Amino acid sequence: MSNPTALTIRRYVLTGSVAAITATGVWYGAGLKTRQERKQVIAAVVEAPLAEQLEQMALYRESLVRQRDGLQTKIDQLTGKAEPPKHRGR
């Protein structure tokens, strides 16, 4: 086996560096876009008429209630399994 030359090592270092810089840029850009979209959504909600805000809140509450009911069902099932079996009358 031959030892890697300085040019080969340099090529690997440069390739890794370019890949790292590209990945970091993509990650940072995606974060910027997410923050910008969040600001737009918040601005749209704040500027919406009161009736529309109330409707959105009601829809959000319905989804939270459905989620709570689903979680409560799961909790009830898990607690039912955790209880020891009841003995039938002797």
PDB file of N, CA and C in Angstrom:
ATOM      1  N   MET A   1       0.835  -1.186   0.000  1.00  0.00           N
ATOM      2  CA  MET A   1       0.000   0.000   0.000  1.00  0.00           C
ATOM      3  C   MET A   1       0.874   1.240   0.000  1.00  0.00           C
ATOM      4  N   SER A   2       0.452   2.201  -0.713  1.00  0.00           N
ATOM      5  CA  SER A   2       1.227   3.440  -0.759  1.00  0.00           C
ATOM      6  C   SER A   2       0.641   4.447   0.221  1.00  0.00           C
ATOM      7  N   ASN A   3       1.488   5.305   0.707  1.00  0.00           N
ATOM      8  CA  ASN A   3       1.048   6.348   1.627  1.00  0.00           C
ATOM      9  C   ASN A   3       0.332   7.443   0.841  1.00  0.00           C
ATOM     10  N   PRO A   4      -0.698   8.032   1.440  1.00  0.00           N
ATOM     11  CA  PRO A   4      -1.403   9.097   0.724  1.00  0.00           C
ATOM     12  C   PRO A   4      -0.494  10.311   0.560  1.00  0.00           C
ATOM     13  N   THR A   5      -0.574  10.876  -0.570  1.00  0.00           N
ATOM     14  CA  THR A   5       0.242  12.055  -0.833  1.00  0.00           C
ATOM     15  C   THR A   5      -0.412  13.291  -0.242  1.00  0.00           C
ATOM     16  N   ALA A   6       0.341  14.356  -0.237  1.00  0.00           N
ATOM     17  CA  ALA A   6      -0.165  15.607   0.316  1.00  0.00           C
ATOM     18  C   ALA A   6      -1.347  16.124  -0.497  1.00  0.00           C
ATOM     19  N   LEU A   7      -1.324  15.911  -1.805  1.00  0.00           N
ATOM     20  CA  LEU A   7      -2.431  16.372  -2.651  1.00  0.00           C
ATOM     21  C   LEU A   7      -3.711  15.599  -2.362  1.00  0.00           C
ATOM     22  N   THR A   8      -3.585  14.308  -2.100  1.00  0.00           N
ATOM     23  CA  THR A   8      -4.767  13.500  -1.787  1.00  0.00           C
ATOM     24  C   THR A   8      -5.382  13.948  -0.473  1.00  0.00           C
ATOM     25  N   ILE A   9      -4.546  14.164   0.512  1.00  0.00           N
ATOM     26  CA  ILE A   9      -5.041  14.625   1.815  1.00  0.00           C
ATOM     27  C   ILE A   9      -5.697  15.994   1.665  1.00  0.00           C
ATOM     28  N   ARG A  10      -5.053  16.873   0.906  1.00  0.00           N
ATOM     29  CA  ARG A  10      -5.604  18.209   0.695  1.00  0.00           C
ATOM     30  C   ARG A  10      -6.960  18.130   0.000  1.00  0.00           C
ATOM     31  N   ARG A  11      -7.089  17.239  -0.976  1.00  0.00           N
ATOM     32  CA  ARG A  11      -8.350  17.078  -1.697  1.00  0.00           C
ATOM     33  C   ARG A  11      -9.466  16.642  -0.734  1.00  0.00           C
ATOM     34  N   TYR A  12      -9.178  15.675   0.146  1.00  0.00           N
ATOM     35  CA  TYR A  12     -10.185  15.207   1.107  1.00  0.00           C
ATOM     36  C   TYR A  12     -10.576  16.317   2.091  1.00  0.00           C
ATOM     37  N   VAL A  13      -9.593  17.070   2.548  1.00  0.00           N
ATOM     38  CA  VAL A  13      -9.875  18.157   3.482  1.00  0.00           C
ATOM     39  C   VAL A  13     -10.748  19.219   2.813  1.00  0.00           C
ATOM     40  N   LEU A  14     -10.421  19.594   1.587  1.00  0.00           N
ATOM     41  CA  LEU A  14     -11.214  20.593   0.878  1.00  0.00           C
ATOM     42  C   LEU A  14     -12.629  20.088   0.593  1.00  0.00           C
ATOM     43  N   THR A  15     -12.747  18.832   0.202  1.00  0.00           N
ATOM     44  CA  THR A  15     -14.075  18.265  -0.066  1.00  0.00           C
ATOM     45  C   THR A  15     -14.931  18.264   1.199  1.00  0.00           C
ATOM     46  N   GLY A  16     -14.351  17.850   2.307  1.00  0.00           N
ATOM     47  CA  GLY A  16     -15.082  17.855   3.577  1.00  0.00           C
ATOM     48  C   GLY A  16     -15.461  19.253   4.007  1.00  0.00           C
ATOM     49  N   SER A  17     -14.557  20.207   3.801  1.00  0.00           N
ATOM     50  CA  SER A  17     -14.836  21.596   4.185  1.00  0.00           C
ATOM     51  C   SER A  17     -15.974  22.184   3.365  1.00  0.00           C
ATOM     52  N   VAL A  18     -15.946  21.948   2.065  1.00  0.00           N
ATOM     53  CA  VAL A  18     -17.021  22.461   1.204  1.00  0.00           C
ATOM     54  C   VAL A  18     -18.353  21.833   1.582  1.00  0.00           C
ATOM     55  N   ALA A  19     -18.359  20.539   1.865  1.00  0.00           N
ATOM     56  CA  ALA A  19     -19.601  19.871   2.265  1.00  0.00           C
ATOM     57  C   ALA A  19     -20.124  20.438   3.578  1.00  0.00           C
ATOM     58  N   ALA A  20     -19.226  20.679   4.544  1.00  0.00           N
ATOM     59  CA  ALA A  20     -19.644  21.234   5.837  1.00  0.00           C
ATOM     60  C   ALA A  20     -20.201  22.642   5.683  1.00  0.00           C
ATOM     61  N   ILE A  21     -19.547  23.464   4.870  1.00  0.00           N
ATOM     62  CA  ILE A  21     -20.021  24.837   4.654  1.00  0.00           C
ATOM     63  C   ILE A  21     -21.380  24.832   3.961  1.00  0.00           C
ATOM     64  N   THR A  22     -21.548  23.957   2.979  1.00  0.00           N
ATOM     65  CA  THR A  22     -22.824  23.869   2.269  1.00  0.00           C
ATOM     66  C   THR A  22     -23.939  23.428   3.211  1.00  0.00           C
ATOM     67  N   ALA A  23     -23.683  22.419   4.020  1.00  0.00           N
ATOM     68  CA  ALA A  23     -24.704  21.922   4.948  1.00  0.00           C
ATOM     69  C   ALA A  23     -25.072  22.997   5.964  1.00  0.00           C
ATOM     70  N   THR A  24     -24.087  23.712   6.462  1.00  0.00           N
ATOM     71  CA  THR A  24     -24.357  24.783   7.424  1.00  0.00           C
ATOM     72  C   THR A  24     -25.200  25.885   6.790  1.00  0.00           C
ATOM     73  N   GLY A  25     -24.900  26.238   5.562  1.00  0.00           N
ATOM     74  CA  GLY A  25     -25.675  27.264   4.864  1.00  0.00           C
ATOM     75  C   GLY A  25     -27.119  26.859   4.636  1.00  0.00           C
ATOM     76  N   VAL A  26     -27.305  25.613   4.272  1.00  0.00           N
ATOM     77  CA  VAL A  26     -28.666  25.111   4.053  1.00  0.00           C
ATOM     78  C   VAL A  26     -29.444  25.136   5.361  1.00  0.00           C
ATOM     79  N   TRP A  27     -28.817  24.688   6.437  1.00  0.00           N
ATOM     80  CA  TRP A  27     -29.475  24.648   7.745  1.00  0.00           C
ATOM     81  C   TRP A  27     -29.835  26.064   8.210  1.00  0.00           C
ATOM     82  N   TYR A  28     -28.909  26.997   8.068  1.00  0.00           N
ATOM     83  CA  TYR A  28     -29.155  28.370   8.472  1.00  0.00           C
ATOM     84  C   TYR A  28     -30.255  29.003   7.619  1.00  0.00           C
ATOM     85  N   GLY A  29     -30.227  28.765   6.316  1.00  0.00           N
ATOM     86  CA  GLY A  29     -31.244  29.316   5.421  1.00  0.00           C
ATOM     87  C   GLY A  29     -32.633  28.778   5.731  1.00  0.00           C
ATOM     88  N   ALA A  30     -32.700  27.498   6.053  1.00  0.00           N
ATOM     89  CA  ALA A  30     -33.997  26.916   6.406  1.00  0.00           C
ATOM     90  C   ALA A  30     -34.532  27.544   7.692  1.00  0.00           C
ATOM     91  N   GLY A  31     -33.649  27.809   8.635  1.00  0.00           N
ATOM     92  CA  GLY A  31     -34.067  28.464   9.875  1.00  0.00           C
ATOM     93  C   GLY A  31     -34.591  29.865   9.621  1.00  0.00           C
ATOM     94  N   LEU A  32     -33.902  30.600   8.743  1.00  0.00           N
ATOM     95  CA  LEU A  32     -34.364  31.948   8.398  1.00  0.00           C
ATOM     96  C   LEU A  32     -35.750  31.908   7.768  1.00  0.00           C
ATOM     97  N   LYS A  33     -35.951  30.965   6.854  1.00  0.00           N
ATOM     98  CA  LYS A  33     -37.241  30.861   6.176  1.00  0.00           C
ATOM     99  C   LYS A  33     -38.341  30.508   7.178  1.00  0.00           C
ATOM    100  N   THR A  34     -38.058  29.611   8.096  1.00  0.00           N
ATOM    101  CA  THR A  34     -39.044  29.215   9.098  1.00  0.00           C
ATOM    102  C   THR A  34     -39.430  30.399   9.975  1.00  0.00           C
ATOM    103  N   ARG A  35     -38.430  31.154  10.421  1.00  0.00           N
ATOM    104  CA  ARG A  35     -38.724  32.329  11.259  1.00  0.00           C
ATOM    105  C   ARG A  35     -39.543  33.366  10.491  1.00  0.00           C
ATOM    106  N   GLN A  36     -39.224  33.558   9.224  1.00  0.00           N
ATOM    107  CA  GLN A  36     -39.961  34.528   8.402  1.00  0.00           C
ATOM    108  C   GLN A  36     -41.413  34.091   8.231  1.00  0.00           C
ATOM    109  N   GLU A  37     -41.630  32.807   7.958  1.00  0.00           N
ATOM    110  CA  GLU A  37     -42.998  32.307   7.802  1.00  0.00           C
ATOM    111  C   GLU A  37     -43.771  32.432   9.107  1.00  0.00           C
ATOM    112  N   ARG A  38     -43.124  32.161  10.243  1.00  0.00           N
ATOM    113  CA  ARG A  38     -43.785  32.275  11.542  1.00  0.00           C
ATOM    114  C   ARG A  38     -44.222  33.711  11.790  1.00  0.00           C
ATOM    115  N   LYS A  39     -43.352  34.686  11.446  1.00  0.00           N
ATOM    116  CA  LYS A  39     -43.701  36.088  11.616  1.00  0.00           C
ATOM    117  C   LYS A  39     -44.903  36.470  10.751  1.00  0.00           C
ATOM    118  N   GLN A  40     -44.957  35.934   9.525  1.00  0.00           N
ATOM    119  CA  GLN A  40     -46.082  36.227   8.644  1.00  0.00           C
ATOM    120  C   GLN A  40     -47.383  35.661   9.206  1.00  0.00           C
ATOM    121  N   VAL A  41     -47.334  34.457   9.751  1.00  0.00           N
ATOM    122  CA  VAL A  41     -48.540  33.846  10.314  1.00  0.00           C
ATOM    123  C   VAL A  41     -49.015  34.646  11.522  1.00  0.00           C
ATOM    124  N   ILE A  42     -48.092  35.042  12.378  1.00  0.00           N
ATOM    125  CA  ILE A  42     -48.464  35.823  13.558  1.00  0.00           C
ATOM    126  C   ILE A  42     -49.066  37.165  13.140  1.00  0.00           C
ATOM    127  N   ALA A  43     -48.469  37.796  12.156  1.00  0.00           N
ATOM    128  CA  ALA A  43     -49.007  39.080  11.684  1.00  0.00           C
ATOM    129  C   ALA A  43     -50.403  38.900  11.098  1.00  0.00           C
ATOM    130  N   ALA A  44     -50.623  37.811  10.368  1.00  0.00           N
ATOM    131  CA  ALA A  44     -51.946  37.574   9.788  1.00  0.00           C
ATOM    132  C   ALA A  44     -52.989  37.353  10.874  1.00  0.00           C
ATOM    133  N   VAL A  45     -52.616  36.663  11.937  1.00  0.00           N
ATOM    134  CA  VAL A  45     -53.562  36.413  13.034  1.00  0.00           C
ATOM    135  C   VAL A  45     -53.868  37.707  13.767  1.00  0.00           C
ATOM    136  N   VAL A  46     -52.855  38.516  14.009  1.00  0.00           N
ATOM    137  CA  VAL A  46     -53.060  39.773  14.738  1.00  0.00           C
ATOM    138  C   VAL A  46     -53.924  40.732  13.928  1.00  0.00           C
ATOM    139  N   GLU A  47     -53.738  40.745  12.626  1.00  0.00           N
ATOM    140  CA  GLU A  47     -54.492  41.676  11.776  1.00  0.00           C
ATOM    141  C   GLU A  47     -55.875  41.160  11.400  1.00  0.00           C
ATOM    142  N   ALA A  48     -56.172  39.914  11.705  1.00  0.00           N
ATOM    143  CA  ALA A  48     -57.460  39.328  11.340  1.00  0.00           C
ATOM    144  C   ALA A  48     -58.575  39.972  12.165  1.00  0.00           C
ATOM    145  N   PRO A  49     -59.784  40.017  11.604  1.00  0.00           N
ATOM    146  CA  PRO A  49     -60.915  40.554  12.359  1.00  0.00           C
ATOM    147  C   PRO A  49     -61.211  39.685  13.595  1.00  0.00           C
ATOM    148  N   LEU A  50     -61.879  40.294  14.557  1.00  0.00           N
ATOM    149  CA  LEU A  50     -62.155  39.625  15.825  1.00  0.00           C
ATOM    150  C   LEU A  50     -62.965  38.345  15.621  1.00  0.00           C
ATOM    151  N   ALA A  51     -63.947  38.365  14.743  1.00  0.00           N
ATOM    152  CA  ALA A  51     -64.772  37.183  14.506  1.00  0.00           C
ATOM    153  C   ALA A  51     -63.929  36.031  13.965  1.00  0.00           C
ATOM    154  N   GLU A  52     -63.001  36.352  13.078  1.00  0.00           N
ATOM    155  CA  GLU A  52     -62.136  35.312  12.513  1.00  0.00           C
ATOM    156  C   GLU A  52     -61.187  34.765  13.577  1.00  0.00           C
ATOM    157  N   GLN A  53     -60.680  35.639  14.447  1.00  0.00           N
ATOM    158  CA  GLN A  53     -59.802  35.187  15.531  1.00  0.00           C
ATOM    159  C   GLN A  53     -60.553  34.235  16.459  1.00  0.00           C
ATOM    160  N   LEU A  54     -61.807  34.580  16.778  1.00  0.00           N
ATOM    161  CA  LEU A  54     -62.612  33.717  17.650  1.00  0.00           C
ATOM    162  C   LEU A  54     -62.863  32.364  16.990  1.00  0.00           C
ATOM    163  N   GLU A  55     -63.115  32.361  15.685  1.00  0.00           N
ATOM    164  CA  GLU A  55     -63.338  31.109  14.964  1.00  0.00           C
ATOM    165  C   GLU A  55     -62.075  30.242  14.981  1.00  0.00           C
ATOM    166  N   GLN A  56     -60.925  30.868  14.768  1.00  0.00           N
ATOM    167  CA  GLN A  56     -59.670  30.125  14.802  1.00  0.00           C
ATOM    168  C   GLN A  56     -59.406  29.552  16.185  1.00  0.00           C
ATOM    169  N   MET A  57     -59.710  30.330  17.211  1.00  0.00           N
ATOM    170  CA  MET A  57     -59.524  29.851  18.584  1.00  0.00           C
ATOM    171  C   MET A  57     -60.450  28.677  18.888  1.00  0.00           C
ATOM    172  N   ALA A  58     -61.670  28.737  18.390  1.00  0.00           N
ATOM    173  CA  ALA A  58     -62.612  27.643  18.609  1.00  0.00           C
ATOM    174  C   ALA A  58     -62.129  26.370  17.916  1.00  0.00           C
ATOM    175  N   LEU A  59     -61.616  26.500  16.702  1.00  0.00           N
ATOM    176  CA  LEU A  59     -61.084  25.330  15.993  1.00  0.00           C
ATOM    177  C   LEU A  59     -59.873  24.763  16.716  1.00  0.00           C
ATOM    178  N   TYR A  60     -59.009  25.633  17.208  1.00  0.00           N
ATOM    179  CA  TYR A  60     -57.833  25.186  17.934  1.00  0.00           C
ATOM    180  C   TYR A  60     -58.238  24.471  19.226  1.00  0.00           C
ATOM    181  N   ARG A  61     -59.264  25.013  19.902  1.00  0.00           N
ATOM    182  CA  ARG A  61     -59.742  24.386  21.140  1.00  0.00           C
ATOM    183  C   ARG A  61     -60.303  23.000  20.853  1.00  0.00           C
ATOM    184  N   GLU A  62     -61.058  22.864  19.757  1.00  0.00           N
ATOM    185  CA  GLU A  62     -61.607  21.552  19.384  1.00  0.00           C
ATOM    186  C   GLU A  62     -60.498  20.535  19.161  1.00  0.00           C
ATOM    187  N   SER A  63     -59.430  20.957  18.497  1.00  0.00           N
ATOM    188  CA  SER A  63     -58.330  20.021  18.252  1.00  0.00           C
ATOM    189  C   SER A  63     -57.636  19.650  19.556  1.00  0.00           C
ATOM    190  N   LEU A  64     -57.510  20.605  20.476  1.00  0.00           N
ATOM    191  CA  LEU A  64     -56.909  20.299  21.767  1.00  0.00           C
ATOM    192  C   LEU A  64     -57.777  19.348  22.580  1.00  0.00           C
ATOM    193  N   VAL A  65     -59.094  19.540  22.525  1.00  0.00           N
ATOM    194  CA  VAL A  65     -60.011  18.662  23.256  1.00  0.00           C
ATOM    195  C   VAL A  65     -59.931  17.243  22.696  1.00  0.00           C
ATOM    196  N   ARG A  66     -59.878  17.109  21.353  1.00  0.00           N
ATOM    197  CA  ARG A  66     -59.732  15.775  20.741  1.00  0.00           C
ATOM    198  C   ARG A  66     -58.432  15.112  21.170  1.00  0.00           C
ATOM    199  N   GLN A  67     -57.370  15.904  21.207  1.00  0.00           N
ATOM    200  CA  GLN A  67     -56.075  15.374  21.619  1.00  0.00           C
ATOM    201  C   GLN A  67     -56.126  14.941  23.084  1.00  0.00           C
ATOM    202  N   ARG A  68     -56.756  15.746  23.941  1.00  0.00           N
ATOM    203  CA  ARG A  68     -56.868  15.400  25.354  1.00  0.00           C
ATOM    204  C   ARG A  68     -57.668  14.119  25.536  1.00  0.00           C
ATOM    205  N   ASP A  69     -58.775  14.001  24.794  1.00  0.00           N
ATOM    206  CA  ASP A  69     -59.596  12.797  24.907  1.00  0.00           C
ATOM    207  C   ASP A  69     -58.824  11.556  24.477  1.00  0.00           C
ATOM    208  N   GLY A  70     -58.049  11.669  23.407  1.00  0.00           N
ATOM    209  CA  GLY A  70     -57.243  10.541  22.953  1.00  0.00           C
ATOM    210  C   GLY A  70     -56.203  10.143  23.982  1.00  0.00           C
ATOM    211  N   LEU A  71     -55.555  11.134  24.570  1.00  0.00           N
ATOM    212  CA  LEU A  71     -54.560  10.837  25.606  1.00  0.00           C
ATOM    213  C   LEU A  71     -55.209  10.232  26.844  1.00  0.00           C
ATOM    214  N   GLN A  72     -56.385  10.736  27.209  1.00  0.00           N
ATOM    215  CA  GLN A  72     -57.080  10.196  28.374  1.00  0.00           C
ATOM    216  C   GLN A  72     -57.464   8.744  28.143  1.00  0.00           C
ATOM    217  N   THR A  73     -57.894   8.424  26.916  1.00  0.00           N
ATOM    218  CA  THR A  73     -58.227   7.042  26.578  1.00  0.00           C
ATOM    219  C   THR A  73     -57.007   6.148  26.736  1.00  0.00           C
ATOM    220  N   LYS A  74     -55.863   6.603  26.257  1.00  0.00           N
ATOM    221  CA  LYS A  74     -54.636   5.823  26.393  1.00  0.00           C
ATOM    222  C   LYS A  74     -54.246   5.643  27.853  1.00  0.00           C
ATOM    223  N   ILE A  75     -54.401   6.703  28.653  1.00  0.00           N
ATOM    224  CA  ILE A  75     -54.089   6.611  30.078  1.00  0.00           C
ATOM    225  C   ILE A  75     -55.005   5.600  30.749  1.00  0.00           C
ATOM    226  N   ASP A  76     -56.307   5.654  30.415  1.00  0.00           N
ATOM    227  CA  ASP A  76     -57.257   4.715  31.003  1.00  0.00           C
ATOM    228  C   ASP A  76     -56.910   3.278  30.640  1.00  0.00           C
ATOM    229  N   GLN A  77     -56.506   3.055  29.385  1.00  0.00           N
ATOM    230  CA  GLN A  77     -56.133   1.708  28.965  1.00  0.00           C
ATOM    231  C   GLN A  77     -54.898   1.228  29.710  1.00  0.00           C
ATOM    232  N   LEU A  78     -53.916   2.104  29.867  1.00  0.00           N
ATOM    233  CA  LEU A  78     -52.693   1.714  30.566  1.00  0.00           C
ATOM    234  C   LEU A  78     -52.945   1.457  32.039  1.00  0.00           C
ATOM    235  N   THR A  79     -53.781   2.276  32.658  1.00  0.00           N
ATOM    236  CA  THR A  79     -54.076   2.041  34.070  1.00  0.00           C
ATOM    237  C   THR A  79     -54.916   0.791  34.240  1.00  0.00           C
ATOM    238  N   GLY A  80     -55.756   0.500  33.293  1.00  0.00           N
ATOM    239  CA  GLY A  80     -56.540  -0.732  33.370  1.00  0.00           C
ATOM    240  C   GLY A  80     -55.648  -1.951  33.283  1.00  0.00           C
ATOM    241  N   LYS A  81     -54.607  -1.898  32.484  1.00  0.00           N
ATOM    242  CA  LYS A  81     -53.673  -3.011  32.372  1.00  0.00           C
ATOM    243  C   LYS A  81     -52.797  -3.108  33.613  1.00  0.00           C
ATOM    244  N   ALA A  82     -52.548  -1.978  34.272  1.00  0.00           N
ATOM    245  CA  ALA A  82     -51.662  -1.979  35.427  1.00  0.00           C
ATOM    246  C   ALA A  82     -52.353  -2.496  36.686  1.00  0.00           C
ATOM    247  N   GLU A  83     -53.676  -2.468  36.725  1.00  0.00           N
ATOM    248  CA  GLU A  83     -54.390  -2.946  37.907  1.00  0.00           C
ATOM    249  C   GLU A  83     -54.291  -4.464  38.004  1.00  0.00           C
ATOM    250  N   PRO A  84     -54.148  -4.981  39.221  1.00  0.00           N
ATOM    251  CA  PRO A  84     -54.075  -6.445  39.380  1.00  0.00           C
ATOM    252  C   PRO A  84     -55.448  -7.054  39.070  1.00  0.00           C
ATOM    253  N   PRO A  85     -55.469  -8.291  38.571  1.00  0.00           N
ATOM    254  CA  PRO A  85     -56.756  -8.918  38.285  1.00  0.00           C
ATOM    255  C   PRO A  85     -57.574  -9.101  39.555  1.00  0.00           C
ATOM    256  N   LYS A  86     -58.878  -8.855  39.454  1.00  0.00           N
ATOM    257  CA  LYS A  86     -59.756  -8.966  40.617  1.00  0.00           C
ATOM    258  C   LYS A  86     -60.192 -10.412  40.779  1.00  0.00           C
ATOM    259  N   HIS A  87     -60.180 -10.878  42.015  1.00  0.00           N
ATOM    260  CA  HIS A  87     -60.575 -12.265  42.287  1.00  0.00           C
ATOM    261  C   HIS A  87     -62.083 -12.370  42.301  1.00  0.00           C
ATOM    262  N   ARG A  88     -62.548 -13.422  41.704  1.00  0.00           N
ATOM    263  CA  ARG A  88     -63.998 -13.642  41.738  1.00  0.00           C
ATOM    264  C   ARG A  88     -64.359 -14.230  43.092  1.00  0.00           C
ATOM    265  N   GLY A  89     -65.558 -13.954  43.546  1.00  0.00           N
ATOM    266  CA  GLY A  89     -66.029 -14.328  44.882  1.00  0.00           C
ATOM    267  C   GLY A  89     -65.760 -15.786  45.249  1.00  0.00           C
ATOM    268  N   ARG A  90     -65.275 -15.999  46.443  1.00  0.00           N
ATOM    269  CA  ARG A  90     -65.049 -17.335  46.976  1.00  0.00           C
ATOM    270  C   ARG A  90     -65.972 -17.605  48.107  1.00  0.00           C
TER     271      ARG A  90
END
